[in-house]
């Protein structure tokens, strides 16, 4: 099983656990504007739109699980890009 599938299944399991403590799939579907089948697909690690996944994560207050690592990675990218900025070359005079 590849890493993406394992991650999707693990995330789905976490979502299912958090959701089951508070509400049924149908209620979460109604609250997020998704179908019960979409909620089931998310919980089973199946392919769904990122919009659907983010809606469920946000409703269950789990969006930080993805937001924090992404923010940290962006901060690293910003630092790397700052180091790559070249200093301007000195202008040469045209006086001969």
C-alpha atoms as a PDB file:
ATOM      1  CA  UNK A   1       0.000   0.000   0.000  1.00  0.00           C
ATOM      2  CA  UNK A   2       1.511   3.343  -0.952  1.00  0.00           C
ATOM      3  CA  UNK A   3       1.916   6.304   1.382  1.00  0.00           C
ATOM      4  CA  UNK A   4      -0.932   8.339  -0.098  1.00  0.00           C
ATOM      5  CA  UNK A   5      -3.457   5.563   0.404  1.00  0.00           C
ATOM      6  CA  UNK A   6      -2.239   4.904   3.939  1.00  0.00           C
ATOM      7  CA  UNK A   7      -2.481   8.602   4.779  1.00  0.00           C
ATOM      8  CA  UNK A   8      -5.997   8.888   3.316  1.00  0.00           C
ATOM      9  CA  UNK A   9      -7.157   5.853   5.298  1.00  0.00           C
ATOM     10  CA  UNK A  10      -5.560   7.084   8.528  1.00  0.00           C
ATOM     11  CA  UNK A  11      -7.089  10.546   8.093  1.00  0.00           C
ATOM     12  CA  UNK A  12     -10.455   8.953   7.326  1.00  0.00           C
ATOM     13  CA  UNK A  13     -10.239   6.844  10.462  1.00  0.00           C
ATOM     14  CA  UNK A  14      -9.499   9.933  12.565  1.00  0.00           C
ATOM     15  CA  UNK A  15     -12.380  11.839  10.965  1.00  0.00           C
ATOM     16  CA  UNK A  16     -14.742   8.912  11.579  1.00  0.00           C
ATOM     17  CA  UNK A  17     -13.693   8.682  15.228  1.00  0.00           C
ATOM     18  CA  UNK A  18     -14.160  12.424  15.817  1.00  0.00           C
ATOM     19  CA  UNK A  19     -17.465  12.517  13.967  1.00  0.00           C
ATOM     20  CA  UNK A  20     -18.882   9.427  15.744  1.00  0.00           C
ATOM     21  CA  UNK A  21     -18.368  11.068  19.138  1.00  0.00           C
ATOM     22  CA  UNK A  22     -20.658  13.934  18.190  1.00  0.00           C
ATOM     23  CA  UNK A  23     -23.037  13.003  15.387  1.00  0.00           C
ATOM     24  CA  UNK A  24     -24.166  10.566  12.720  1.00  0.00           C
ATOM     25  CA  UNK A  25     -22.876  10.655   9.144  1.00  0.00           C
ATOM     26  CA  UNK A  26     -26.182  12.081   7.955  1.00  0.00           C
ATOM     27  CA  UNK A  27     -25.992  14.992  10.369  1.00  0.00           C
ATOM     28  CA  UNK A  28     -22.420  15.829   9.346  1.00  0.00           C
ATOM     29  CA  UNK A  29     -23.485  15.602   5.713  1.00  0.00           C
ATOM     30  CA  UNK A  30     -26.345  18.016   6.319  1.00  0.00           C
ATOM     31  CA  UNK A  31     -24.164  20.455   8.271  1.00  0.00           C
ATOM     32  CA  UNK A  32     -21.428  20.515   5.605  1.00  0.00           C
ATOM     33  CA  UNK A  33     -23.701  20.457   2.554  1.00  0.00           C
ATOM     34  CA  UNK A  34     -22.271  17.130   1.398  1.00  0.00           C
ATOM     35  CA  UNK A  35     -23.933  13.799   0.765  1.00  0.00           C
ATOM     36  CA  UNK A  36     -23.771  10.946   3.258  1.00  0.00           C
ATOM     37  CA  UNK A  37     -21.971   8.951   0.559  1.00  0.00           C
ATOM     38  CA  UNK A  38     -19.247  11.617   0.416  1.00  0.00           C
ATOM     39  CA  UNK A  39     -18.839  11.511   4.205  1.00  0.00           C
ATOM     40  CA  UNK A  40     -18.567   7.723   4.003  1.00  0.00           C
ATOM     41  CA  UNK A  41     -15.980   7.980   1.220  1.00  0.00           C
ATOM     42  CA  UNK A  42     -13.879  10.397   3.283  1.00  0.00           C
ATOM     43  CA  UNK A  43     -14.048   8.115   6.322  1.00  0.00           C
ATOM     44  CA  UNK A  44     -12.982   5.143   4.208  1.00  0.00           C
ATOM     45  CA  UNK A  45     -10.007   6.950   2.673  1.00  0.00           C
ATOM     46  CA  UNK A  46     -11.523   7.122  -0.798  1.00  0.00           C
ATOM     47  CA  UNK A  47     -10.856   9.867  -3.314  1.00  0.00           C
ATOM     48  CA  UNK A  48     -12.959  13.004  -2.768  1.00  0.00           C
ATOM     49  CA  UNK A  49     -12.573  16.664  -3.655  1.00  0.00           C
ATOM     50  CA  UNK A  50     -10.297  18.746  -1.477  1.00  0.00           C
ATOM     51  CA  UNK A  51     -13.222  21.113  -0.947  1.00  0.00           C
ATOM     52  CA  UNK A  52     -15.267  18.284   0.588  1.00  0.00           C
ATOM     53  CA  UNK A  53     -12.375  17.087   2.738  1.00  0.00           C
ATOM     54  CA  UNK A  54     -11.613  20.601   3.983  1.00  0.00           C
ATOM     55  CA  UNK A  55     -15.301  21.227   4.779  1.00  0.00           C
ATOM     56  CA  UNK A  56     -15.409  18.123   6.977  1.00  0.00           C
ATOM     57  CA  UNK A  57     -12.073  18.874   8.642  1.00  0.00           C
ATOM     58  CA  UNK A  58     -13.162  22.451   9.369  1.00  0.00           C
ATOM     59  CA  UNK A  59     -16.523  21.380  10.791  1.00  0.00           C
ATOM     60  CA  UNK A  60     -14.848  18.869  13.110  1.00  0.00           C
ATOM     61  CA  UNK A  61     -12.162  21.406  14.103  1.00  0.00           C
ATOM     62  CA  UNK A  62      -9.441  19.229  12.569  1.00  0.00           C
ATOM     63  CA  UNK A  63      -8.248  21.556   9.798  1.00  0.00           C
ATOM     64  CA  UNK A  64      -5.211  22.500  11.909  1.00  0.00           C
ATOM     65  CA  UNK A  65      -3.856  18.983  11.289  1.00  0.00           C
ATOM     66  CA  UNK A  66      -3.104  20.016   7.708  1.00  0.00           C
ATOM     67  CA  UNK A  67      -2.726  23.769   8.165  1.00  0.00           C
ATOM     68  CA  UNK A  68       0.148  23.678  10.664  1.00  0.00           C
ATOM     69  CA  UNK A  69       2.538  21.491   8.603  1.00  0.00           C
ATOM     70  CA  UNK A  70       1.733  23.456   5.437  1.00  0.00           C
ATOM     71  CA  UNK A  71       2.410  26.769   7.193  1.00  0.00           C
ATOM     72  CA  UNK A  72       5.708  25.441   8.535  1.00  0.00           C
ATOM     73  CA  UNK A  73       6.748  24.234   5.080  1.00  0.00           C
ATOM     74  CA  UNK A  74       5.860  27.611   3.535  1.00  0.00           C
ATOM     75  CA  UNK A  75       7.983  29.375   6.146  1.00  0.00           C
ATOM     76  CA  UNK A  76      10.940  27.170   5.165  1.00  0.00           C
ATOM     77  CA  UNK A  77      10.370  27.952   1.490  1.00  0.00           C
ATOM     78  CA  UNK A  78      10.306  31.674   2.226  1.00  0.00           C
ATOM     79  CA  UNK A  79      13.627  31.412   4.061  1.00  0.00           C
ATOM     80  CA  UNK A  80      15.193  29.488   1.180  1.00  0.00           C
ATOM     81  CA  UNK A  81      13.969  32.016  -1.374  1.00  0.00           C
ATOM     82  CA  UNK A  82      15.338  34.905   0.672  1.00  0.00           C
ATOM     83  CA  UNK A  83      18.769  33.291   0.602  1.00  0.00           C
ATOM     84  CA  UNK A  84      18.619  32.836  -3.169  1.00  0.00           C
ATOM     85  CA  UNK A  85      18.112  36.530  -3.889  1.00  0.00           C
ATOM     86  CA  UNK A  86      21.110  37.800  -5.803  1.00  0.00           C
ATOM     87  CA  UNK A  87      22.798  41.009  -4.965  1.00  0.00           C
ATOM     88  CA  UNK A  88      22.665  43.538  -7.781  1.00  0.00           C
ATOM     89  CA  UNK A  89      25.801  43.751  -9.889  1.00  0.00           C
ATOM     90  CA  UNK A  90      27.731  46.982  -9.496  1.00  0.00           C
ATOM     91  CA  UNK A  91      27.191  49.383 -12.342  1.00  0.00           C
ATOM     92  CA  UNK A  92      30.193  50.037 -14.517  1.00  0.00           C
ATOM     93  CA  UNK A  93      30.900  53.564 -15.531  1.00  0.00           C
ATOM     94  CA  UNK A  94      31.047  54.380 -19.214  1.00  0.00           C
ATOM     95  CA  UNK A  95      33.911  56.859 -18.722  1.00  0.00           C
ATOM     96  CA  UNK A  96      36.894  55.765 -20.814  1.00  0.00           C
END
